[in-house]
Amino acid sequence: MTSLIRQIGILTFSSSDIDTVANDLQQTIGLRRRACGDNTVQLSSNARECEINYVTAKETGVVSIGLEATDAAAVDEIMQRLRSEDLEVVRDDSTVPGVERSVTFRTGFGPVFEVHTPVARINGQLHRYNPCRIARLDHCTTRTNDPQGFHDLVTRMLGLRLSDRTENFSNAWYRGADGYHHLLAAGIGSGLHHYGFAARSVIDIADLADTLAAKGRRLLWGPGRHGAGNNIFSYYRDPLGCIVEVSTSMEHIDVDDFREPGIWSDNDKQDLMDLWGSTAPDGFGTKTLPYVVN
């Protein structure tokens, strides 16, 4: 099946103090404000008009995971599939300017998705220095109450392809049309575990660690290299309490037919998480940010 999703889209979070959380992304990893108002702040690391969208609300959480469709026809196709499967549509337009078409829906397995047309790009955007040279928002990892059911939904309805999984689907990684190993990963539980950015070099991960140290903060985990995805990773926590990953060198799959999904056994757990031998800190996998719908 051809994927209807190209890449990760706009992640929308709610907070009662959006300036604080937006400033942290600006000052820690160099994202830039694209637009802001009384109740919204939008940021991006590249020519896309928006990658992270903050909205003011009393409740802190994840409003939706954005999935950027290949085109408007793909959004229309997904809307038809939603109707045929009787899934709950939360809204059928976007809160972000420059998005032509959008549909936000509950998956029925925990996560809330916004599938939207490609975000507007700023033509001729020049590179601007930031201390950690983030290239793009590249993935997020969610929790779900039914990993197998979630797998069936995202592969059947959205056309995502499975890149790797554990034997019992307790963890799974999915890619879209852009070919990067995963734009979406899933594990057992509830809420959003983390969202991730691609840096240009491992040197940028060192710069991130130095930036955090200068603020009296520390990396939560890393550097290391994941077995699933082969990316060199680092993690820290944002002011919302959500984990942020900054990684580099994620596997890119250029021919789908030549890449069978990897299946990892319990005996492979160390290599799955870190080929270099480190283990995640206590509680790393359990704390998540809840989904809220405003």
Protein backbone atom coordinates (compact mmCIF):
# COMPACT_ATOMS: atom_id res chain seq x y z
CA MET A 1 0.00 0.00 0.00
CA THR A 2 1.22 3.50 -0.84
CA SER A 3 1.64 5.67 2.23
CA LEU A 4 -0.75 8.61 2.43
CA ILE A 5 1.56 10.26 4.98
CA ARG A 6 4.84 11.88 3.98
CA GLN A 7 6.30 12.81 7.37
CA ILE A 8 5.52 13.97 10.88
CA GLY A 9 3.39 17.10 10.83
CA ILE A 10 2.44 19.77 13.35
CA LEU A 11 2.52 18.74 17.00
CA THR A 12 0.00 20.74 19.03
CA PHE A 13 0.37 21.09 22.80
CA SER A 14 -1.74 22.95 25.35
CA SER A 15 -0.40 24.84 28.36
CA SER A 16 -1.39 27.68 30.66
CA ASP A 17 2.05 29.25 30.07
CA ILE A 18 2.89 28.89 26.40
CA ASP A 19 5.59 31.58 26.47
CA THR A 20 7.70 29.61 28.94
CA VAL A 21 7.59 26.37 26.95
CA ALA A 22 8.13 28.16 23.62
CA ASN A 23 11.10 30.10 25.00
CA ASP A 24 12.66 26.86 26.20
CA LEU A 25 12.60 25.33 22.71
CA GLN A 26 14.05 28.55 21.31
CA GLN A 27 16.84 28.81 23.84
CA THR A 28 17.70 25.11 24.14
CA ILE A 29 17.60 23.82 20.57
CA GLY A 30 17.27 27.01 18.53
CA LEU A 31 13.74 26.81 17.13
CA ARG A 32 12.34 30.09 15.82
CA ARG A 33 8.96 31.68 16.41
CA ARG A 34 6.98 31.91 13.19
CA ALA A 35 3.79 33.39 14.59
CA CYS A 36 2.25 34.20 17.92
CA GLY A 37 -0.92 35.69 19.30
CA ASP A 38 -2.70 36.01 22.60
CA ASN A 39 -3.39 32.29 22.74
CA THR A 40 -0.96 30.62 20.32
CA VAL A 41 2.75 30.33 19.57
CA GLN A 42 4.10 28.50 16.52
CA LEU A 43 7.72 27.45 16.08
CA SER A 44 9.84 25.77 13.42
CA SER A 45 13.42 24.64 12.88
CA ASN A 46 13.41 25.04 9.09
CA ALA A 47 11.48 26.42 6.10
CA ARG A 48 8.21 24.88 7.27
CA GLU A 49 5.94 27.58 8.68
CA CYS A 50 5.11 25.49 11.74
CA GLU A 51 6.33 22.30 13.39
CA ILE A 52 5.33 22.92 17.02
CA ASN A 53 2.06 24.67 17.89
CA TYR A 54 1.28 25.77 21.46
CA VAL A 55 -2.24 26.80 22.44
CA THR A 56 -3.31 28.35 25.74
CA ALA A 57 -5.50 26.16 27.95
CA LYS A 58 -5.88 25.36 31.63
CA GLU A 59 -5.00 21.71 31.03
CA THR A 60 -1.47 20.74 30.02
CA GLY A 61 -1.24 18.03 27.41
CA VAL A 62 -1.10 16.93 23.79
CA VAL A 63 -3.92 18.22 21.62
CA SER A 64 -2.88 16.20 18.56
CA ILE A 65 -0.05 14.50 16.71
CA GLY A 66 0.20 16.03 13.25
CA LEU A 67 0.81 13.79 10.25
CA GLU A 68 1.67 15.62 7.03
CA ALA A 69 -0.13 13.97 4.12
CA THR A 70 1.40 13.68 0.67
CA ASP A 71 -1.26 16.00 -0.81
CA ALA A 72 -4.88 17.16 -0.51
CA ALA A 73 -6.16 14.01 -2.22
CA ALA A 74 -4.56 11.91 0.54
CA VAL A 75 -6.40 13.93 3.21
CA ASP A 76 -9.68 13.43 1.33
CA GLU A 77 -9.03 9.69 1.10
CA ILE A 78 -8.36 9.47 4.83
CA MET A 79 -11.56 11.43 5.57
CA GLN A 80 -13.52 8.87 3.55
CA ARG A 81 -11.88 6.02 5.44
CA LEU A 82 -12.71 7.69 8.76
CA ARG A 83 -16.37 7.84 7.79
CA SER A 84 -16.42 4.22 6.66
CA GLU A 85 -14.88 3.07 9.96
CA ASP A 86 -17.06 5.44 12.03
CA LEU A 87 -14.14 6.99 13.89
CA GLU A 88 -14.78 10.20 15.83
CA VAL A 89 -13.77 13.36 13.96
CA VAL A 90 -12.86 16.15 16.39
CA ARG A 91 -12.56 18.89 13.77
CA ASP A 92 -12.19 19.21 10.01
CA ASP A 93 -10.05 22.33 9.79
CA SER A 94 -6.66 23.41 11.11
CA THR A 95 -5.88 26.03 13.73
CA VAL A 96 -2.60 26.81 11.93
CA PRO A 97 -2.56 29.31 9.04
CA GLY A 98 -1.20 28.03 5.74
CA VAL A 99 -2.69 24.54 6.08
CA GLU A 100 -5.15 24.00 3.24
CA ARG A 101 -6.95 20.92 4.52
CA SER A 102 -7.00 19.04 7.79
CA VAL A 103 -8.91 16.46 9.79
CA THR A 104 -8.38 15.70 13.49
CA PHE A 105 -9.69 12.41 14.85
CA ARG A 106 -9.53 10.04 17.79
CA THR A 107 -7.89 6.77 16.86
CA GLY A 108 -9.83 4.77 19.44
CA PHE A 109 -6.52 3.49 20.84
CA GLY A 110 -5.46 6.57 22.82
CA PRO A 111 -3.66 8.94 20.41
CA VAL A 112 -5.37 11.84 18.64
CA PHE A 113 -4.15 12.53 15.08
CA GLU A 114 -4.40 15.59 12.87
CA VAL A 115 -3.82 14.60 9.24
CA HIS A 116 -3.16 17.72 7.18
CA THR A 117 -1.89 18.90 3.82
CA PRO A 118 1.75 19.99 3.60
CA VAL A 119 2.60 22.94 5.79
CA ALA A 120 3.47 26.08 3.83
CA ARG A 121 7.19 26.57 3.23
CA ILE A 122 9.09 29.85 3.32
CA ASN A 123 10.80 30.12 -0.05
CA GLY A 124 14.46 31.09 -0.03
CA GLN A 125 14.79 30.60 3.73
CA LEU A 126 18.43 31.22 4.60
CA HIS A 127 20.23 29.16 7.21
CA ARG A 128 20.41 30.93 10.53
CA TYR A 129 22.83 29.85 13.19
CA ASN A 130 21.48 28.23 16.31
CA PRO A 131 23.59 26.58 19.01
CA CYS A 132 22.14 23.15 18.30
CA ARG A 133 21.68 22.82 14.55
CA ILE A 134 18.28 21.16 14.39
CA ALA A 135 17.29 20.17 10.87
CA ARG A 136 13.68 19.14 11.42
CA LEU A 137 11.06 17.67 13.66
CA ASP A 138 11.26 14.01 12.69
CA HIS A 139 9.15 11.75 14.91
CA CYS A 140 7.17 11.16 18.05
CA THR A 141 6.62 8.13 20.25
CA THR A 142 3.17 7.56 21.67
CA ARG A 143 1.59 5.03 23.97
CA THR A 144 -1.50 3.04 23.06
CA ASN A 145 -3.90 0.76 24.91
CA ASP A 146 -3.89 -1.81 22.09
CA PRO A 147 -0.61 -2.04 20.15
CA GLN A 148 -1.89 -4.63 17.66
CA GLY A 149 -5.09 -2.69 16.99
CA PHE A 150 -3.09 0.51 16.63
CA HIS A 151 -0.75 -1.22 14.17
CA ASP A 152 -3.69 -2.36 12.06
CA LEU A 153 -5.14 1.17 12.03
CA VAL A 154 -2.02 3.10 11.01
CA THR A 155 -0.98 0.59 8.35
CA ARG A 156 -4.47 0.10 6.90
CA MET A 157 -5.90 3.61 7.12
CA LEU A 158 -2.77 5.75 6.74
CA GLY A 159 -0.56 3.42 4.73
CA LEU A 160 2.35 3.64 7.18
CA ARG A 161 4.95 0.88 6.86
CA LEU A 162 6.34 -1.12 9.73
CA SER A 163 10.12 -0.74 10.05
CA ASP A 164 10.80 -2.65 13.29
CA ARG A 165 8.86 -4.18 16.17
CA THR A 166 9.30 -6.36 19.21
CA GLU A 167 7.92 -9.89 19.12
CA ASN A 168 4.70 -9.00 20.95
CA PHE A 169 4.25 -5.51 19.44
CA SER A 170 5.05 -3.93 22.81
CA ASN A 171 7.12 -1.49 20.73
CA ALA A 172 6.80 -0.72 17.02
CA TRP A 173 8.28 1.84 14.62
CA TYR A 174 6.50 3.14 11.49
CA ARG A 175 7.69 5.12 8.48
CA GLY A 176 5.99 7.26 5.86
CA ALA A 177 6.67 8.25 2.27
CA ASP A 178 9.87 10.16 3.10
CA GLY A 179 11.61 6.85 3.90
CA TYR A 180 13.10 7.71 7.28
CA HIS A 181 12.97 4.74 9.66
CA HIS A 182 10.16 6.16 11.77
CA LEU A 183 7.96 9.19 11.96
CA LEU A 184 5.83 7.42 14.56
CA ALA A 185 6.61 4.83 17.21
CA ALA A 186 4.24 3.18 19.67
CA GLY A 187 4.43 1.35 22.98
CA ILE A 188 1.99 0.09 25.60
CA GLY A 189 0.32 2.64 27.89
CA SER A 190 -1.25 6.06 27.50
CA GLY A 191 -0.12 9.55 26.47
CA LEU A 192 2.81 10.89 24.45
CA HIS A 193 6.18 9.60 25.59
CA HIS A 194 8.44 11.90 23.57
CA TYR A 195 8.84 13.96 20.44
CA GLY A 196 12.09 14.07 18.51
CA PHE A 197 14.19 16.36 16.34
CA ALA A 198 16.89 15.46 13.83
CA ALA A 199 20.20 17.26 14.34
CA ARG A 200 22.77 17.61 11.58
CA SER A 201 25.69 16.04 13.46
CA VAL A 202 26.63 14.27 16.68
CA ILE A 203 28.50 17.49 17.53
CA ASP A 204 25.11 19.15 17.88
CA ILE A 205 24.20 16.63 20.58
CA ALA A 206 27.32 17.67 22.47
CA ASP A 207 26.25 21.30 22.02
CA LEU A 208 22.83 20.42 23.44
CA ALA A 209 24.43 18.84 26.51
CA ASP A 210 26.59 21.94 27.00
CA THR A 211 23.58 24.24 26.60
CA LEU A 212 21.63 22.29 29.21
CA ALA A 213 24.61 22.25 31.58
CA ALA A 214 24.94 26.03 31.31
CA LYS A 215 21.33 26.26 32.47
CA GLY A 216 21.93 23.91 35.40
CA ARG A 217 20.14 21.07 33.62
CA ARG A 218 21.30 17.69 32.33
CA LEU A 219 20.57 15.19 29.60
CA LEU A 220 18.05 12.62 30.76
CA TRP A 221 19.73 9.83 28.76
CA GLY A 222 22.42 9.57 26.09
CA PRO A 223 24.34 9.82 23.96
CA GLY A 224 23.78 6.31 22.67
CA ARG A 225 22.73 4.51 19.49
CA HIS A 226 19.33 2.87 19.12
CA GLY A 227 19.21 -0.51 17.42
CA ALA A 228 15.82 0.29 15.92
CA GLY A 229 16.51 3.23 13.62
CA ASN A 230 20.29 3.23 14.13
CA ASN A 231 20.12 6.88 15.23
CA ILE A 232 22.52 8.40 17.76
CA PHE A 233 20.25 9.72 20.49
CA SER A 234 20.00 12.06 23.44
CA TYR A 235 17.01 12.97 25.61
CA TYR A 236 16.06 15.82 27.91
CA ARG A 237 12.81 17.00 29.50
CA ASP A 238 10.90 20.15 28.50
CA PRO A 239 8.96 22.47 30.87
CA LEU A 240 5.73 20.56 30.16
CA GLY A 241 7.39 17.46 31.60
CA CYS A 242 7.52 15.79 28.19
CA ILE A 243 10.70 14.09 26.97
CA VAL A 244 12.43 15.60 23.93
CA GLU A 245 14.82 13.54 21.80
CA VAL A 246 17.59 15.08 19.72
CA SER A 247 19.22 12.51 17.46
CA THR A 248 21.16 12.17 14.24
CA SER A 249 21.87 9.63 11.48
CA MET A 250 18.51 7.84 11.50
CA GLU A 251 18.30 4.97 9.02
CA HIS A 252 16.82 5.96 5.65
CA ILE A 253 15.02 3.29 3.63
CA ASP A 254 15.02 4.19 -0.06
CA VAL A 255 13.40 1.02 -1.44
CA ASP A 256 10.53 -0.37 0.64
CA ASP A 257 10.53 -3.78 -1.04
CA PHE A 258 14.13 -4.44 0.01
CA ARG A 259 13.50 -3.77 3.72
CA GLU A 260 11.67 -6.42 5.71
CA PRO A 261 10.50 -5.34 9.18
CA GLY A 262 12.99 -6.14 11.91
CA ILE A 263 11.66 -8.29 14.76
CA TRP A 264 13.42 -7.97 18.11
CA SER A 265 13.25 -10.64 20.81
CA ASP A 266 13.53 -10.12 24.56
CA ASN A 267 17.14 -11.28 24.27
CA ASP A 268 17.81 -8.34 21.95
CA LYS A 269 16.49 -5.70 24.36
CA GLN A 270 19.88 -4.15 25.11
CA ASP A 271 20.79 -3.78 21.43
CA LEU A 272 17.30 -2.52 20.64
CA MET A 273 17.60 0.34 23.12
CA ASP A 274 21.32 1.13 22.97
CA LEU A 275 23.95 -0.66 20.93
CA TRP A 276 26.60 1.13 22.97
CA GLY A 277 25.51 -0.53 26.20
CA SER A 278 23.79 2.08 28.37
CA THR A 279 20.39 1.58 29.98
CA ALA A 280 17.55 4.06 30.33
CA PRO A 281 17.15 5.76 33.72
CA ASP A 282 14.49 4.46 36.12
CA GLY A 283 11.01 5.55 35.10
CA PHE A 284 12.11 6.63 31.62
CA GLY A 285 9.40 4.66 29.84
CA THR A 286 6.50 5.36 32.17
CA LYS A 287 6.09 9.15 32.41
CA THR A 288 3.99 10.54 29.55
CA LEU A 289 2.01 13.64 28.62
CA PRO A 290 -1.76 13.02 28.38
CA TYR A 291 -3.90 13.67 25.32
CA VAL A 292 -6.41 16.49 25.71
CA VAL A 293 -8.87 17.89 23.19
CA ASN A 294 -9.60 21.62 23.42
